Amino acid sequence: MAYKLGDMAAPVRLLAAAALAGALSACAPSLGPPPPGRMVAPPPADDGVFRASDFAWSQAPGRNTLAGSLAHAGAVRYSCAGQTVILTPETPWARRRMEVLYKSSVRAALPTDDVRSRSAQAPPGDSNPYVKRAVCDAADHFNFTNLPDGAWYVVTLAKPAAGSTGPSLAVMRRVMTKGGKITTFEL
């Protein structure tokens, strides 16, 4: 029986040594996070850099329709009749550009001259190959068809209607397409 105890002593000693090492490592001092300035921050996801690859999703055919109109609220009546309506796919670059030009990435109606005055501060890039265009009709309606699911920016110019006075406005709104539906909205 004595020889069996000797055979068991080696694994017991090994197990005791491992437990002792684990207990001692728990007492080791923690150095904490590195000092400020030592960590490399990951690049921001919304860096505003133009990348053609970010627009690829918008080129796929889809089953969605955007049916928009210009809202007629307020003392000055505006119209977009005959104006080009631009539909830009939302990308980090497009979102940053809207934030600079329109001071919002959701919705805005600002004097055209104010928006144009900020164009030099907007991130550079050419989204023209990915932009869709429509014309606003005499009743201030427009639509875009065969769109894939995604987020878009609708932009147009609105001028005071006959008999109204005021500055021309650059109007922008973010809209979503999803599920092969017709989405109606007002600018």
N, C-alpha and C. Protein backbone atom coordinates (compact mmCIF):
# COMPACT_ATOMS: atom_id res chain seq x y z
N MET A 1 0.81 -1.17 0.00
CA MET A 1 0.00 0.00 0.00
C MET A 1 0.87 1.25 0.00
N ALA A 2 2.07 1.11 0.56
CA ALA A 2 2.97 2.26 0.63
C ALA A 2 3.37 2.72 -0.75
N TYR A 3 3.52 1.80 -1.69
CA TYR A 3 3.93 2.22 -3.03
C TYR A 3 2.83 2.99 -3.74
N LYS A 4 1.55 2.71 -3.45
CA LYS A 4 0.44 3.43 -4.07
C LYS A 4 0.38 4.86 -3.57
N LEU A 5 0.68 5.09 -2.33
CA LEU A 5 0.69 6.45 -1.79
C LEU A 5 1.76 7.27 -2.47
N GLY A 6 2.90 6.66 -2.74
CA GLY A 6 3.98 7.36 -3.44
C GLY A 6 3.57 7.76 -4.86
N ASP A 7 2.81 6.88 -5.54
CA ASP A 7 2.33 7.20 -6.89
C ASP A 7 1.35 8.36 -6.87
N MET A 8 0.58 8.51 -5.83
CA MET A 8 -0.42 9.58 -5.74
C MET A 8 0.21 10.87 -5.26
N ALA A 9 1.35 10.79 -4.63
CA ALA A 9 1.97 11.99 -4.09
C ALA A 9 2.41 12.94 -5.19
N ALA A 10 2.87 12.44 -6.32
CA ALA A 10 3.34 13.30 -7.40
C ALA A 10 2.20 14.15 -7.97
N PRO A 11 1.06 13.58 -8.31
CA PRO A 11 -0.04 14.42 -8.82
C PRO A 11 -0.55 15.40 -7.77
N VAL A 12 -0.56 15.00 -6.51
CA VAL A 12 -1.02 15.89 -5.45
C VAL A 12 -0.06 17.07 -5.33
N ARG A 13 1.24 16.80 -5.38
CA ARG A 13 2.23 17.88 -5.30
C ARG A 13 2.08 18.82 -6.50
N LEU A 14 1.86 18.27 -7.68
CA LEU A 14 1.69 19.09 -8.88
C LEU A 14 0.45 19.97 -8.77
N LEU A 15 -0.61 19.41 -8.28
CA LEU A 15 -1.86 20.15 -8.09
C LEU A 15 -1.67 21.25 -7.05
N ALA A 16 -0.96 20.96 -5.96
CA ALA A 16 -0.71 21.96 -4.91
C ALA A 16 0.17 23.08 -5.45
N ALA A 17 1.15 22.76 -6.29
CA ALA A 17 2.02 23.78 -6.86
C ALA A 17 1.23 24.70 -7.80
N ALA A 18 0.32 24.12 -8.59
CA ALA A 18 -0.50 24.92 -9.50
C ALA A 18 -1.42 25.85 -8.71
N ALA A 19 -2.01 25.36 -7.64
CA ALA A 19 -2.89 26.18 -6.81
C ALA A 19 -2.10 27.31 -6.15
N LEU A 20 -0.90 27.03 -5.69
CA LEU A 20 -0.06 28.05 -5.07
C LEU A 20 0.33 29.12 -6.10
N ALA A 21 0.67 28.71 -7.32
CA ALA A 21 1.04 29.66 -8.37
C ALA A 21 -0.16 30.55 -8.72
N GLY A 22 -1.34 29.96 -8.80
CA GLY A 22 -2.55 30.74 -9.08
C GLY A 22 -2.83 31.74 -7.98
N ALA A 23 -2.65 31.32 -6.74
CA ALA A 23 -2.91 32.22 -5.61
C ALA A 23 -1.90 33.36 -5.60
N LEU A 24 -0.65 33.08 -5.90
CA LEU A 24 0.36 34.13 -5.93
C LEU A 24 0.13 35.12 -7.07
N SER A 25 -0.34 34.63 -8.23
CA SER A 25 -0.56 35.53 -9.35
C SER A 25 -1.74 36.46 -9.07
N ALA A 26 -2.66 36.04 -8.23
CA ALA A 26 -3.78 36.91 -7.87
C ALA A 26 -3.30 38.09 -7.04
N CYS A 27 -2.15 37.95 -6.40
CA CYS A 27 -1.61 39.03 -5.58
C CYS A 27 -0.74 39.99 -6.37
N ALA A 28 -0.49 39.68 -7.64
CA ALA A 28 0.37 40.54 -8.46
C ALA A 28 -0.31 41.89 -8.66
N PRO A 29 0.46 42.99 -8.64
CA PRO A 29 -0.15 44.30 -8.81
C PRO A 29 -0.69 44.48 -10.22
N SER A 30 -1.80 45.19 -10.32
CA SER A 30 -2.39 45.50 -11.62
C SER A 30 -1.83 46.84 -12.07
N LEU A 31 -1.44 46.92 -13.32
CA LEU A 31 -0.86 48.15 -13.83
C LEU A 31 -1.92 49.12 -14.35
N GLY A 32 -3.15 48.66 -14.53
CA GLY A 32 -4.23 49.53 -15.00
C GLY A 32 -4.08 49.88 -16.47
N PRO A 33 -4.90 50.79 -16.94
CA PRO A 33 -4.85 51.16 -18.36
C PRO A 33 -3.59 51.96 -18.65
N PRO A 34 -3.18 51.99 -19.90
CA PRO A 34 -2.00 52.77 -20.24
C PRO A 34 -2.27 54.26 -20.03
N PRO A 35 -1.22 55.05 -19.84
CA PRO A 35 -1.42 56.48 -19.61
C PRO A 35 -2.04 57.15 -20.84
N PRO A 36 -2.72 58.29 -20.64
CA PRO A 36 -3.32 58.99 -21.77
C PRO A 36 -2.28 59.28 -22.85
N GLY A 37 -2.72 59.22 -24.08
CA GLY A 37 -1.82 59.48 -25.19
C GLY A 37 -1.08 58.25 -25.66
N ARG A 38 -1.14 57.17 -24.90
CA ARG A 38 -0.43 55.94 -25.27
C ARG A 38 -1.30 55.00 -26.10
N MET A 39 -2.61 55.14 -25.97
CA MET A 39 -3.52 54.26 -26.71
C MET A 39 -3.74 54.83 -28.10
N VAL A 40 -3.82 53.96 -29.06
CA VAL A 40 -4.13 54.37 -30.42
C VAL A 40 -5.63 54.23 -30.60
N ALA A 41 -6.29 55.36 -30.86
CA ALA A 41 -7.73 55.34 -31.03
C ALA A 41 -8.08 54.75 -32.40
N PRO A 42 -9.15 53.96 -32.45
CA PRO A 42 -9.56 53.44 -33.76
C PRO A 42 -10.07 54.59 -34.63
N PRO A 43 -9.97 54.46 -35.93
CA PRO A 43 -10.47 55.54 -36.79
C PRO A 43 -11.97 55.69 -36.62
N PRO A 44 -12.48 56.90 -36.68
CA PRO A 44 -13.92 57.08 -36.51
C PRO A 44 -14.67 56.42 -37.67
N ALA A 45 -15.82 55.84 -37.34
CA ALA A 45 -16.62 55.18 -38.37
C ALA A 45 -17.22 56.19 -39.33
N ASP A 46 -17.46 57.38 -38.86
CA ASP A 46 -18.09 58.42 -39.67
C ASP A 46 -17.05 59.48 -40.00
N ASP A 47 -16.01 59.07 -40.76
CA ASP A 47 -14.90 59.97 -41.01
C ASP A 47 -15.15 60.96 -42.14
N GLY A 48 -16.23 60.80 -42.90
CA GLY A 48 -16.55 61.74 -43.95
C GLY A 48 -15.68 61.63 -45.19
N VAL A 49 -14.90 60.56 -45.31
CA VAL A 49 -14.04 60.37 -46.48
C VAL A 49 -14.89 59.74 -47.59
N PHE A 50 -14.77 60.27 -48.80
CA PHE A 50 -15.51 59.73 -49.93
C PHE A 50 -14.91 58.40 -50.36
N ARG A 51 -15.75 57.37 -50.40
CA ARG A 51 -15.36 56.05 -50.88
C ARG A 51 -16.45 55.56 -51.82
N ALA A 52 -16.10 55.35 -53.06
CA ALA A 52 -17.08 54.87 -54.03
C ALA A 52 -17.71 53.56 -53.57
N SER A 53 -16.94 52.73 -52.89
CA SER A 53 -17.46 51.43 -52.43
C SER A 53 -18.62 51.59 -51.45
N ASP A 54 -18.68 52.70 -50.72
CA ASP A 54 -19.79 52.94 -49.78
C ASP A 54 -21.12 53.12 -50.50
N PHE A 55 -21.07 53.48 -51.78
CA PHE A 55 -22.28 53.74 -52.56
C PHE A 55 -22.79 52.49 -53.30
N ALA A 56 -22.01 51.42 -53.31
CA ALA A 56 -22.33 50.24 -54.12
C ALA A 56 -23.74 49.71 -53.86
N TRP A 57 -24.19 49.71 -52.62
CA TRP A 57 -25.51 49.17 -52.29
C TRP A 57 -26.62 49.87 -53.05
N SER A 58 -26.44 51.16 -53.35
CA SER A 58 -27.50 51.96 -53.96
C SER A 58 -27.69 51.67 -55.44
N GLN A 59 -26.76 50.93 -56.05
CA GLN A 59 -26.83 50.64 -57.47
C GLN A 59 -27.62 49.36 -57.77
N ALA A 60 -27.94 48.61 -56.75
CA ALA A 60 -28.71 47.38 -56.95
C ALA A 60 -30.17 47.74 -57.26
N PRO A 61 -30.82 46.98 -58.13
CA PRO A 61 -32.23 47.26 -58.39
C PRO A 61 -33.05 46.89 -57.16
N GLY A 62 -34.12 47.59 -56.98
CA GLY A 62 -34.99 47.33 -55.84
C GLY A 62 -36.45 47.47 -56.21
N ARG A 63 -37.32 47.30 -55.22
CA ARG A 63 -38.76 47.34 -55.45
C ARG A 63 -39.43 48.51 -54.71
N ASN A 64 -38.62 49.42 -54.17
CA ASN A 64 -39.16 50.52 -53.38
C ASN A 64 -39.40 51.76 -54.22
N THR A 65 -40.36 52.57 -53.77
CA THR A 65 -40.67 53.85 -54.40
C THR A 65 -40.71 54.93 -53.34
N LEU A 66 -40.12 56.07 -53.65
CA LEU A 66 -40.26 57.26 -52.82
C LEU A 66 -41.17 58.23 -53.56
N ALA A 67 -42.25 58.63 -52.92
CA ALA A 67 -43.20 59.59 -53.50
C ALA A 67 -43.22 60.81 -52.60
N GLY A 68 -42.61 61.90 -53.05
CA GLY A 68 -42.48 63.08 -52.22
C GLY A 68 -43.23 64.28 -52.75
N SER A 69 -43.38 65.24 -51.86
CA SER A 69 -43.98 66.52 -52.23
C SER A 69 -43.39 67.60 -51.34
N LEU A 70 -43.50 68.84 -51.82
CA LEU A 70 -43.04 69.97 -51.03
C LEU A 70 -44.18 70.44 -50.15
N ALA A 71 -43.93 70.54 -48.86
CA ALA A 71 -44.96 70.97 -47.92
C ALA A 71 -45.26 72.46 -48.11
N HIS A 72 -46.49 72.85 -47.85
CA HIS A 72 -46.91 74.25 -48.01
C HIS A 72 -47.38 74.80 -46.66
N ALA A 73 -46.47 74.96 -45.74
CA ALA A 73 -46.81 75.50 -44.42
C ALA A 73 -46.12 76.86 -44.26
N GLY A 74 -46.69 77.71 -43.48
CA GLY A 74 -46.08 79.00 -43.20
C GLY A 74 -46.67 80.12 -44.03
N ALA A 75 -46.24 81.33 -43.76
CA ALA A 75 -46.79 82.51 -44.42
C ALA A 75 -46.37 82.61 -45.88
N VAL A 76 -45.13 82.18 -46.19
CA VAL A 76 -44.63 82.24 -47.56
C VAL A 76 -44.89 80.89 -48.22
N ARG A 77 -45.56 80.91 -49.37
CA ARG A 77 -45.82 79.68 -50.11
C ARG A 77 -44.64 79.44 -51.04
N TYR A 78 -44.07 78.22 -50.98
CA TYR A 78 -42.93 77.84 -51.81
C TYR A 78 -43.34 76.79 -52.82
N SER A 79 -42.57 76.71 -53.91
CA SER A 79 -42.81 75.71 -54.94
C SER A 79 -41.46 75.16 -55.43
N CYS A 80 -41.49 73.89 -55.78
CA CYS A 80 -40.30 73.28 -56.40
C CYS A 80 -40.58 72.94 -57.86
N ALA A 81 -41.71 73.40 -58.39
CA ALA A 81 -42.11 73.09 -59.76
C ALA A 81 -40.97 73.38 -60.74
N GLY A 82 -40.66 72.37 -61.56
CA GLY A 82 -39.61 72.50 -62.56
C GLY A 82 -38.20 72.33 -62.03
N GLN A 83 -38.02 72.23 -60.74
CA GLN A 83 -36.69 72.08 -60.14
C GLN A 83 -36.26 70.60 -60.14
N THR A 84 -34.97 70.37 -60.24
CA THR A 84 -34.43 69.02 -60.13
C THR A 84 -34.44 68.60 -58.66
N VAL A 85 -34.86 67.38 -58.43
CA VAL A 85 -34.84 66.80 -57.09
C VAL A 85 -33.74 65.73 -57.12
N ILE A 86 -32.82 65.82 -56.18
CA ILE A 86 -31.67 64.92 -56.14
C ILE A 86 -31.86 63.90 -55.01
N LEU A 87 -31.57 62.66 -55.32
CA LEU A 87 -31.63 61.58 -54.34
C LEU A 87 -30.23 61.01 -54.19
N THR A 88 -29.64 61.21 -53.04
CA THR A 88 -28.27 60.75 -52.77
C THR A 88 -28.31 59.61 -51.75
N PRO A 89 -27.64 58.49 -52.03
CA PRO A 89 -27.58 57.40 -51.05
C PRO A 89 -26.86 57.87 -49.78
N GLU A 90 -27.35 57.42 -48.63
CA GLU A 90 -26.67 57.78 -47.38
C GLU A 90 -25.42 56.92 -47.22
N THR A 91 -24.31 57.59 -47.01
CA THR A 91 -23.02 56.97 -46.69
C THR A 91 -22.41 57.85 -45.60
N PRO A 92 -21.32 57.42 -44.96
CA PRO A 92 -20.68 58.32 -43.99
C PRO A 92 -20.29 59.66 -44.62
N TRP A 93 -19.82 59.64 -45.86
CA TRP A 93 -19.45 60.88 -46.56
C TRP A 93 -20.68 61.76 -46.78
N ALA A 94 -21.76 61.18 -47.29
CA ALA A 94 -22.98 61.96 -47.56
C ALA A 94 -23.56 62.53 -46.26
N ARG A 95 -23.56 61.74 -45.19
CA ARG A 95 -24.09 62.21 -43.90
C ARG A 95 -23.27 63.40 -43.41
N ARG A 96 -21.96 63.29 -43.48
CA ARG A 96 -21.09 64.40 -43.03
C ARG A 96 -21.32 65.64 -43.89
N ARG A 97 -21.48 65.45 -45.19
CA ARG A 97 -21.72 66.57 -46.10
C ARG A 97 -23.03 67.28 -45.74
N MET A 98 -24.07 66.52 -45.45
CA MET A 98 -25.36 67.13 -45.06
C MET A 98 -25.22 67.89 -43.74
N GLU A 99 -24.46 67.33 -42.81
CA GLU A 99 -24.26 68.02 -41.52
C GLU A 99 -23.57 69.37 -41.72
N VAL A 100 -22.61 69.41 -42.64
CA VAL A 100 -21.90 70.67 -42.90
C VAL A 100 -22.78 71.65 -43.65
N LEU A 101 -23.39 71.19 -44.75
CA LEU A 101 -24.18 72.10 -45.59
C LEU A 101 -25.48 72.54 -44.94
N TYR A 102 -26.20 71.60 -44.34
CA TYR A 102 -27.55 71.87 -43.82
C TYR A 102 -27.63 71.95 -42.30
N LYS A 103 -26.50 71.76 -41.63
CA LYS A 103 -26.46 71.78 -40.16
C LYS A 103 -27.35 70.69 -39.56
N SER A 104 -27.62 69.65 -40.33
CA SER A 104 -28.44 68.53 -39.90
C SER A 104 -28.21 67.37 -40.85
N SER A 105 -28.39 66.17 -40.37
CA SER A 105 -28.35 65.01 -41.25
C SER A 105 -29.72 64.35 -41.31
N VAL A 106 -30.74 65.11 -40.88
CA VAL A 106 -32.10 64.57 -40.86
C VAL A 106 -33.05 65.37 -41.73
N ARG A 107 -33.11 66.68 -41.49
CA ARG A 107 -34.08 67.52 -42.21
C ARG A 107 -33.72 68.98 -42.06
N ALA A 108 -33.87 69.75 -43.15
CA ALA A 108 -33.60 71.19 -43.07
C ALA A 108 -34.21 71.91 -44.27
N ALA A 109 -34.50 73.17 -44.07
CA ALA A 109 -34.92 74.09 -45.14
C ALA A 109 -34.24 75.42 -44.81
N LEU A 110 -33.16 75.70 -45.53
CA LEU A 110 -32.34 76.87 -45.23
C LEU A 110 -32.19 77.74 -46.47
N PRO A 111 -31.94 79.03 -46.29
CA PRO A 111 -31.69 79.88 -47.46
C PRO A 111 -30.58 79.28 -48.33
N THR A 112 -30.83 79.22 -49.61
CA THR A 112 -29.89 78.62 -50.56
C THR A 112 -28.51 79.24 -50.45
N ASP A 113 -28.44 80.56 -50.30
CA ASP A 113 -27.14 81.23 -50.20
C ASP A 113 -26.35 80.76 -48.98
N ASP A 114 -27.03 80.49 -47.87
CA ASP A 114 -26.34 80.00 -46.67
C ASP A 114 -25.74 78.61 -46.91
N VAL A 115 -26.52 77.74 -47.54
CA VAL A 115 -26.04 76.39 -47.82
C VAL A 115 -24.84 76.45 -48.77
N ARG A 116 -24.96 77.23 -49.83
CA ARG A 116 -23.85 77.35 -50.79
C ARG A 116 -22.61 77.94 -50.15
N SER A 117 -22.76 78.82 -49.18
CA SER A 117 -21.60 79.45 -48.54
C SER A 117 -20.77 78.45 -47.75
N ARG A 118 -21.35 77.31 -47.40
CA ARG A 118 -20.62 76.29 -46.63
C ARG A 118 -20.04 75.19 -47.52
N SER A 119 -20.23 75.27 -48.82
CA SER A 119 -19.80 74.17 -49.69
C SER A 119 -18.29 73.93 -49.65
N ALA A 120 -17.49 74.96 -49.46
CA ALA A 120 -16.03 74.77 -49.39
C ALA A 120 -15.62 74.01 -48.13
N GLN A 121 -16.46 74.02 -47.10
CA GLN A 121 -16.15 73.31 -45.85
C GLN A 121 -16.61 71.86 -45.86
N ALA A 122 -17.45 71.50 -46.84
CA ALA A 122 -17.98 70.14 -46.92
C ALA A 122 -16.89 69.19 -47.42
N PRO A 123 -16.94 67.94 -47.01
CA PRO A 123 -15.92 66.99 -47.46
C PRO A 123 -15.95 66.83 -48.98
N PRO A 124 -14.79 66.79 -49.62
CA PRO A 124 -14.74 66.67 -51.08
C PRO A 124 -15.09 65.26 -51.55
N GLY A 125 -15.58 65.17 -52.76
CA GLY A 125 -15.92 63.89 -53.36
C GLY A 125 -16.96 64.10 -54.44
N ASP A 126 -17.10 63.14 -55.33
CA ASP A 126 -18.05 63.25 -56.43
C ASP A 126 -19.04 62.10 -56.37
N SER A 127 -20.23 62.38 -55.90
CA SER A 127 -21.27 61.35 -55.79
C SER A 127 -22.16 61.30 -57.03
N ASN A 128 -21.89 62.14 -58.03
CA ASN A 128 -22.76 62.19 -59.22
C ASN A 128 -23.05 60.83 -59.85
N PRO A 129 -22.10 59.90 -59.94
CA PRO A 129 -22.44 58.61 -60.56
C PRO A 129 -23.49 57.82 -59.77
N TYR A 130 -23.73 58.17 -58.51
CA TYR A 130 -24.64 57.40 -57.65
C TYR A 130 -25.93 58.15 -57.35
N VAL A 131 -26.02 59.39 -57.79
CA VAL A 131 -27.18 60.23 -57.51
C VAL A 131 -28.28 59.94 -58.53
N LYS A 132 -29.51 59.92 -58.06
CA LYS A 132 -30.67 59.77 -58.94
C LYS A 132 -31.37 61.12 -58.99
N ARG A 133 -32.01 61.41 -60.13
CA ARG A 133 -32.65 62.72 -60.32
C ARG A 133 -34.08 62.55 -60.79
N ALA A 134 -34.92 63.48 -60.37
CA ALA A 134 -36.31 63.58 -60.83
C ALA A 134 -36.62 65.06 -60.98
N VAL A 135 -37.75 65.37 -61.58
CA VAL A 135 -38.16 66.76 -61.71
C VAL A 135 -39.44 66.95 -60.92
N CYS A 136 -39.49 68.02 -60.17
CA CYS A 136 -40.67 68.35 -59.38
C CYS A 136 -41.74 68.87 -60.35
N ASP A 137 -42.95 68.29 -60.30
CA ASP A 137 -44.00 68.69 -61.24
C ASP A 137 -44.71 69.97 -60.80
N ALA A 138 -45.68 70.40 -61.57
CA ALA A 138 -46.40 71.66 -61.30
C ALA A 138 -47.15 71.64 -59.98
N ALA A 139 -47.47 70.44 -59.48
CA ALA A 139 -48.17 70.31 -58.20
C ALA A 139 -47.20 70.07 -57.05
N ASP A 140 -45.89 70.25 -57.30
CA ASP A 140 -44.83 70.08 -56.29
C ASP A 140 -44.68 68.63 -55.81
N HIS A 141 -44.89 67.68 -56.74
CA HIS A 141 -44.72 66.26 -56.44
C HIS A 141 -43.57 65.69 -57.29
N PHE A 142 -42.96 64.63 -56.79
CA PHE A 142 -41.88 63.93 -57.50
C PHE A 142 -41.81 62.51 -56.96
N ASN A 143 -41.17 61.61 -57.71
CA ASN A 143 -40.98 60.26 -57.19
C ASN A 143 -39.75 59.60 -57.80
N PHE A 144 -39.29 58.59 -57.08
CA PHE A 144 -38.15 57.76 -57.49
C PHE A 144 -38.61 56.31 -57.36
N THR A 145 -38.34 55.50 -58.36
CA THR A 145 -38.79 54.11 -58.35
C THR A 145 -37.61 53.15 -58.44
N ASN A 146 -37.91 51.88 -58.21
CA ASN A 146 -36.94 50.78 -58.33
C ASN A 146 -35.72 50.96 -57.42
N LEU A 147 -35.97 51.43 -56.21
CA LEU A 147 -34.88 51.68 -55.26
C LEU A 147 -34.66 50.48 -54.34
N PRO A 148 -33.40 50.21 -54.01
CA PRO A 148 -33.12 49.16 -53.01
C PRO A 148 -33.43 49.68 -51.60
N ASP A 149 -33.47 48.78 -50.65
CA ASP A 149 -33.64 49.17 -49.24
C ASP A 149 -32.45 50.02 -48.82
N GLY A 150 -32.72 51.05 -48.04
CA GLY A 150 -31.63 51.88 -47.52
C GLY A 150 -32.09 53.27 -47.15
N ALA A 151 -31.13 54.08 -46.73
CA ALA A 151 -31.39 55.47 -46.35
C ALA A 151 -30.88 56.39 -47.46
N TRP A 152 -31.62 57.47 -47.68
CA TRP A 152 -31.34 58.38 -48.78
C TRP A 152 -31.51 59.82 -48.31
N TYR A 153 -30.88 60.73 -49.03
CA TYR A 153 -31.10 62.17 -48.81
C TYR A 153 -31.77 62.73 -50.05
N VAL A 154 -32.91 63.40 -49.84
CA VAL A 154 -33.64 64.07 -50.91
C VAL A 154 -33.35 65.56 -50.77
N VAL A 155 -32.93 66.18 -51.88
CA VAL A 155 -32.56 67.60 -51.85
C VAL A 155 -33.17 68.29 -53.07
N THR A 156 -33.73 69.48 -52.86
CA THR A 156 -34.22 70.29 -53.97
C THR A 156 -34.20 71.76 -53.57
N LEU A 157 -34.46 72.61 -54.55
CA LEU A 157 -34.59 74.05 -54.31
C LEU A 157 -36.07 74.39 -54.30
N ALA A 158 -36.44 75.28 -53.41
CA ALA A 158 -37.82 75.76 -53.33
C ALA A 158 -37.78 77.28 -53.46
N LYS A 159 -38.58 77.78 -54.38
CA LYS A 159 -38.63 79.23 -54.61
C LYS A 159 -40.00 79.74 -54.18
N PRO A 160 -40.06 81.00 -53.76
CA PRO A 160 -41.37 81.55 -53.40
C PRO A 160 -42.32 81.44 -54.59
N ALA A 161 -43.52 80.95 -54.34
CA ALA A 161 -44.53 80.81 -55.39
C ALA A 161 -45.03 82.20 -55.80
N ALA A 162 -45.70 82.25 -56.92
CA ALA A 162 -46.24 83.53 -57.42
C ALA A 162 -47.04 84.23 -56.32
N GLY A 163 -46.75 85.49 -56.13
CA GLY A 163 -47.44 86.28 -55.12
C GLY A 163 -46.79 86.22 -53.75
N SER A 164 -45.75 85.43 -53.59
CA SER A 164 -45.05 85.33 -52.31
C SER A 164 -43.64 85.90 -52.46
N THR A 165 -43.11 86.39 -51.37
CA THR A 165 -41.73 86.87 -51.38
C THR A 165 -40.96 86.21 -50.26
N GLY A 166 -39.70 86.00 -50.51
CA GLY A 166 -38.81 85.38 -49.53
C GLY A 166 -37.61 84.82 -50.24
N PRO A 167 -36.63 84.34 -49.50
CA PRO A 167 -35.43 83.79 -50.13
C PRO A 167 -35.72 82.41 -50.70
N SER A 168 -34.97 82.00 -51.72
CA SER A 168 -35.10 80.62 -52.18
C SER A 168 -34.48 79.73 -51.09
N LEU A 169 -35.02 78.53 -50.96
CA LEU A 169 -34.58 77.62 -49.91
C LEU A 169 -33.98 76.35 -50.51
N ALA A 170 -32.94 75.86 -49.87
CA ALA A 170 -32.42 74.52 -50.15
C ALA A 170 -33.07 73.61 -49.12
N VAL A 171 -33.79 72.62 -49.61
CA VAL A 171 -34.57 71.75 -48.73
C VAL A 171 -33.98 70.34 -48.78
N MET A 172 -33.78 69.74 -47.61
CA MET A 172 -33.18 68.41 -47.51
C MET A 172 -33.95 67.59 -46.49
N ARG A 173 -34.10 66.30 -46.79
CA ARG A 173 -34.70 65.38 -45.83
C ARG A 173 -34.12 63.99 -46.04
N ARG A 174 -33.88 63.31 -44.93
CA ARG A 174 -33.44 61.90 -44.95
C ARG A 174 -34.69 61.03 -44.96
N VAL A 175 -34.69 60.05 -45.86
CA VAL A 175 -35.82 59.12 -45.96
C VAL A 175 -35.29 57.69 -46.07
N MET A 176 -36.16 56.75 -45.75
CA MET A 176 -35.78 55.33 -45.76
C MET A 176 -36.66 54.56 -46.75
N THR A 177 -36.06 53.57 -47.40
CA THR A 177 -36.81 52.64 -48.21
C THR A 177 -36.60 51.25 -47.64
N LYS A 178 -37.69 50.45 -47.64
CA LYS A 178 -37.57 49.11 -47.07
C LYS A 178 -38.78 48.25 -47.47
N GLY A 179 -38.49 47.02 -47.81
CA GLY A 179 -39.54 46.03 -47.99
C GLY A 179 -40.38 46.14 -49.24
N GLY A 180 -39.89 46.78 -50.30
CA GLY A 180 -40.66 46.87 -51.54
C GLY A 180 -41.90 47.72 -51.43
N LYS A 181 -41.86 48.75 -50.60
CA LYS A 181 -43.04 49.59 -50.34
C LYS A 181 -42.93 50.95 -51.01
N ILE A 182 -44.06 51.63 -51.08
CA ILE A 182 -44.10 53.03 -51.50
C ILE A 182 -44.06 53.87 -50.23
N THR A 183 -43.06 54.71 -50.13
CA THR A 183 -42.93 55.61 -48.97
C THR A 183 -43.29 57.01 -49.41
N THR A 184 -44.32 57.58 -48.80
CA THR A 184 -44.72 58.95 -49.11
C THR A 184 -44.19 59.86 -48.00
N PHE A 185 -43.79 61.07 -48.40
CA PHE A 185 -43.22 62.01 -47.43
C PHE A 185 -43.32 63.43 -47.97
N GLU A 186 -43.15 64.39 -47.08
CA GLU A 186 -43.11 65.81 -47.45
C GLU A 186 -41.75 66.38 -47.11
N LEU A 187 -41.31 67.27 -47.96
CA LEU A 187 -40.09 68.03 -47.68
C LEU A 187 -40.49 69.26 -46.90
